[in-house]
Protein backbone atom coordinates (compact mmCIF):
# COMPACT_ATOMS: atom_id res chain seq x y z
CA MET A 1 -16.46 66.49 0.97
CA ILE A 2 -16.31 70.47 -0.18
CA SER A 3 -17.73 72.19 2.90
CA GLU A 4 -14.27 69.89 4.24
CA ILE A 5 -11.83 71.23 1.99
CA PHE A 6 -13.05 74.59 2.32
CA LYS A 7 -12.82 74.71 6.07
CA ALA A 8 -8.84 73.36 5.45
CA PHE A 9 -8.36 76.11 3.06
CA SER A 10 -9.23 78.69 5.52
CA GLU A 11 -5.87 77.51 7.32
CA PRO A 12 -3.05 79.78 6.80
CA GLN A 13 -0.78 76.81 4.58
CA ASN A 14 -3.42 76.93 2.57
CA VAL A 15 -4.20 80.60 1.39
CA PRO A 16 -2.25 79.85 -2.44
CA ARG A 17 -5.01 77.06 -3.10
CA LEU A 18 -7.90 79.38 -1.79
CA ALA A 19 -6.21 81.43 -4.32
CA GLU A 20 -5.97 79.19 -7.22
CA VAL A 21 -10.01 78.74 -6.45
CA GLU A 22 -10.81 81.89 -6.94
CA ALA A 23 -8.82 82.07 -10.12
CA ILE A 24 -10.99 79.65 -11.47
CA ASP A 25 -14.04 80.86 -9.98
CA PHE A 26 -15.10 78.91 -7.49
CA MET A 27 -15.81 80.42 -4.30
CA CYS A 28 -19.00 79.80 -5.11
CA LEU A 29 -18.84 76.25 -3.88
CA SER A 30 -17.55 77.72 -0.11
CA GLN A 31 -20.90 78.48 0.31
CA ILE A 32 -22.03 74.60 0.35
CA PHE A 33 -21.95 73.80 3.88
CA LYS A 34 -22.97 69.75 4.91
CA TRP A 35 -26.25 69.38 3.18
CA PHE A 36 -28.60 67.26 5.25
CA ILE A 37 -31.89 66.16 2.59
CA LYS A 38 -34.25 64.29 3.61
CA GLN A 39 -34.95 61.16 2.04
CA ASP A 40 -38.15 61.30 1.57
CA ILE A 41 -37.26 65.02 -0.47
CA ILE A 42 -34.47 62.87 -2.83
CA VAL A 43 -37.26 60.53 -3.85
CA LEU A 44 -40.23 63.06 -3.77
CA MET A 45 -37.80 64.84 -6.17
CA ALA A 46 -36.70 61.68 -8.45
CA LYS A 47 -40.44 60.96 -8.91
CA ILE A 48 -41.34 64.58 -10.03
CA TYR A 49 -38.09 64.84 -12.81
CA ASN A 50 -38.73 64.59 -16.05
CA LEU A 51 -34.97 63.11 -18.35
CA GLN A 52 -36.94 63.65 -21.70
CA LYS A 53 -37.49 66.61 -20.60
CA TYR A 54 -35.09 67.36 -17.99
CA CYS A 55 -37.15 69.34 -15.68
CA LEU A 56 -38.94 68.83 -12.47
CA MET A 57 -42.73 68.71 -13.21
CA ILE A 58 -44.99 70.60 -10.37
CA ASP A 59 -48.04 71.73 -10.06
CA VAL A 60 -47.78 74.83 -10.31
CA ASP A 61 -44.78 74.68 -13.39
CA ASN A 62 -41.99 73.08 -14.62
CA ILE A 63 -38.70 73.93 -13.59
CA HIS A 64 -36.24 73.67 -16.24
CA VAL A 65 -33.14 71.69 -14.57
CA ASN A 66 -30.26 72.80 -17.60
CA GLY A 67 -26.44 74.11 -17.39
CA ALA A 68 -28.43 77.94 -17.68
CA SER A 69 -30.17 76.96 -14.35
CA MET A 70 -27.59 74.81 -12.83
CA GLY A 71 -25.41 77.70 -13.07
CA HIS A 72 -27.28 80.39 -11.81
CA VAL A 73 -28.88 77.92 -8.46
CA LEU A 74 -25.13 77.59 -8.03
CA ASP A 75 -23.57 81.35 -9.22
CA LEU A 76 -20.95 79.43 -12.06
CA LEU A 77 -20.22 81.70 -14.63
CA SER A 78 -20.90 79.61 -18.35
CA ARG A 79 -18.52 81.57 -20.23
CA GLY A 80 -20.32 79.19 -22.84
CA TYR A 81 -16.88 77.22 -23.99
CA GLU A 82 -17.33 73.63 -25.17
CA PHE A 83 -15.09 70.94 -23.08
CA PRO A 84 -12.60 69.26 -25.25
CA SER A 85 -12.75 65.90 -25.58
CA LEU A 86 -10.32 63.56 -24.62
CA ASP A 87 -7.77 62.31 -27.36
CA LYS A 88 -5.95 59.50 -27.43
CA LYS A 89 -3.36 60.55 -29.63
CA ASN A 90 -2.54 63.07 -27.39
CA PRO A 91 0.27 62.66 -24.81
CA GLU A 92 -1.40 65.02 -22.27
CA HIS A 93 -4.74 63.97 -22.68
CA GLU A 94 -2.79 60.53 -22.08
CA GLN A 95 -0.69 62.02 -19.31
CA ILE A 96 -4.18 63.41 -17.54
CA LYS A 97 -6.32 59.90 -18.00
CA SER A 98 -3.43 57.77 -16.25
CA THR A 99 -3.01 60.30 -13.04
CA PHE A 100 -7.06 59.90 -12.51
CA GLN A 101 -8.15 56.79 -13.93
CA GLY A 102 -9.63 55.21 -11.69
CA LYS A 103 -8.83 56.97 -8.16
CA SER A 104 -11.24 58.07 -5.80
CA LEU A 105 -12.65 61.05 -4.15
CA LYS A 106 -10.14 60.15 -1.20
CA TRP A 107 -7.51 60.16 -3.30
CA LEU A 108 -8.63 63.47 -4.87
CA LYS A 109 -9.57 65.11 -1.49
CA ASP A 110 -6.47 63.98 -0.18
CA PHE A 111 -4.05 65.41 -2.96
CA VAL A 112 -5.39 69.09 -2.98
CA LEU A 113 -5.16 69.44 0.43
CA VAL A 114 -1.49 68.54 0.27
CA CYS A 115 -0.23 68.78 -4.08
CA PRO A 116 2.58 71.49 -4.08
CA MET A 117 2.15 75.22 -5.37
CA THR A 118 5.63 76.31 -5.99
CA SER A 119 5.46 76.44 -9.97
CA GLU A 120 2.20 76.91 -12.59
CA GLU A 121 2.46 73.20 -13.43
CA ASP A 122 2.10 73.16 -10.00
CA LYS A 123 -0.67 74.69 -9.96
CA ARG A 124 -2.73 73.45 -13.49
CA ALA A 125 -2.32 69.83 -10.91
CA PHE A 126 -4.30 71.07 -8.28
CA ARG A 127 -7.01 72.88 -10.47
CA ARG A 128 -7.24 69.97 -12.33
CA ALA A 129 -7.97 67.54 -8.47
CA PHE A 130 -10.16 69.76 -7.08
CA LEU A 131 -12.38 69.99 -10.74
CA LEU A 132 -12.52 66.82 -10.79
CA MET A 133 -13.09 66.42 -6.89
CA VAL A 134 -16.14 68.98 -7.71
CA VAL A 135 -17.39 67.13 -10.72
CA LYS A 136 -17.36 63.60 -9.69
CA GLY A 137 -18.38 64.15 -6.53
CA PHE A 138 -21.22 66.96 -6.81
CA LEU A 139 -21.89 67.33 -10.03
CA CYS A 140 -21.77 64.73 -11.73
CA PRO A 141 -21.02 61.72 -9.11
CA THR A 142 -21.76 58.07 -10.59
CA PRO A 143 -22.40 55.21 -8.52
CA SER A 144 -18.63 53.61 -9.22
CA ALA A 145 -16.11 54.71 -6.71
CA SER A 146 -14.00 55.94 -9.15
CA ILE A 147 -13.15 58.16 -11.48
CA SER A 148 -14.78 57.57 -15.34
CA PRO A 149 -12.00 59.30 -17.97
CA GLU A 150 -15.04 59.83 -20.39
CA MET A 151 -17.32 61.50 -18.69
CA HIS A 152 -15.53 63.04 -15.48
CA LEU A 153 -11.87 64.04 -17.25
CA PRO A 154 -13.28 66.48 -20.44
CA PRO A 155 -13.87 69.80 -17.93
CA ILE A 156 -10.57 68.77 -16.80
CA LEU A 157 -7.91 68.02 -19.58
CA ASP A 158 -7.59 72.34 -20.48
CA VAL A 159 -7.31 74.31 -16.84
CA ARG A 160 -5.68 77.37 -17.65
CA ILE A 161 -6.73 81.36 -16.39
CA GLN A 162 -8.69 83.09 -19.25
């Protein structure tokens, strides 16, 4: 899905979308092609992953998997900021929740490709949808087809460009 989005972003009408992705430091995702990983490798990795130690336990050494290591692998800059919590008393958070709760990855993909990019509010909506698509579909997938407010929404509550 991510490779499809970046392929679509290469079209002239999507230059503003690509600029927004660059502004939020997620251009590294453009390097992800359609990955075809043999199921045997996935099964092996699942078998050697230690949930308590958050590491892949291999014969030579342990490979610790945490935010910093994933940031290195994906070339994502971590600024050390905590995600805000979803606040039910905050009207903006409730509006974001009502916009995205129950939506699917297909809905997010379609929205990212057609949302207007004329105002700052449009750009924030694009950033939220794009980041939510990355979180739900790539960084934090779940068995459920729809967005989980508690798991998927905190990373998109504040999408101001720093």
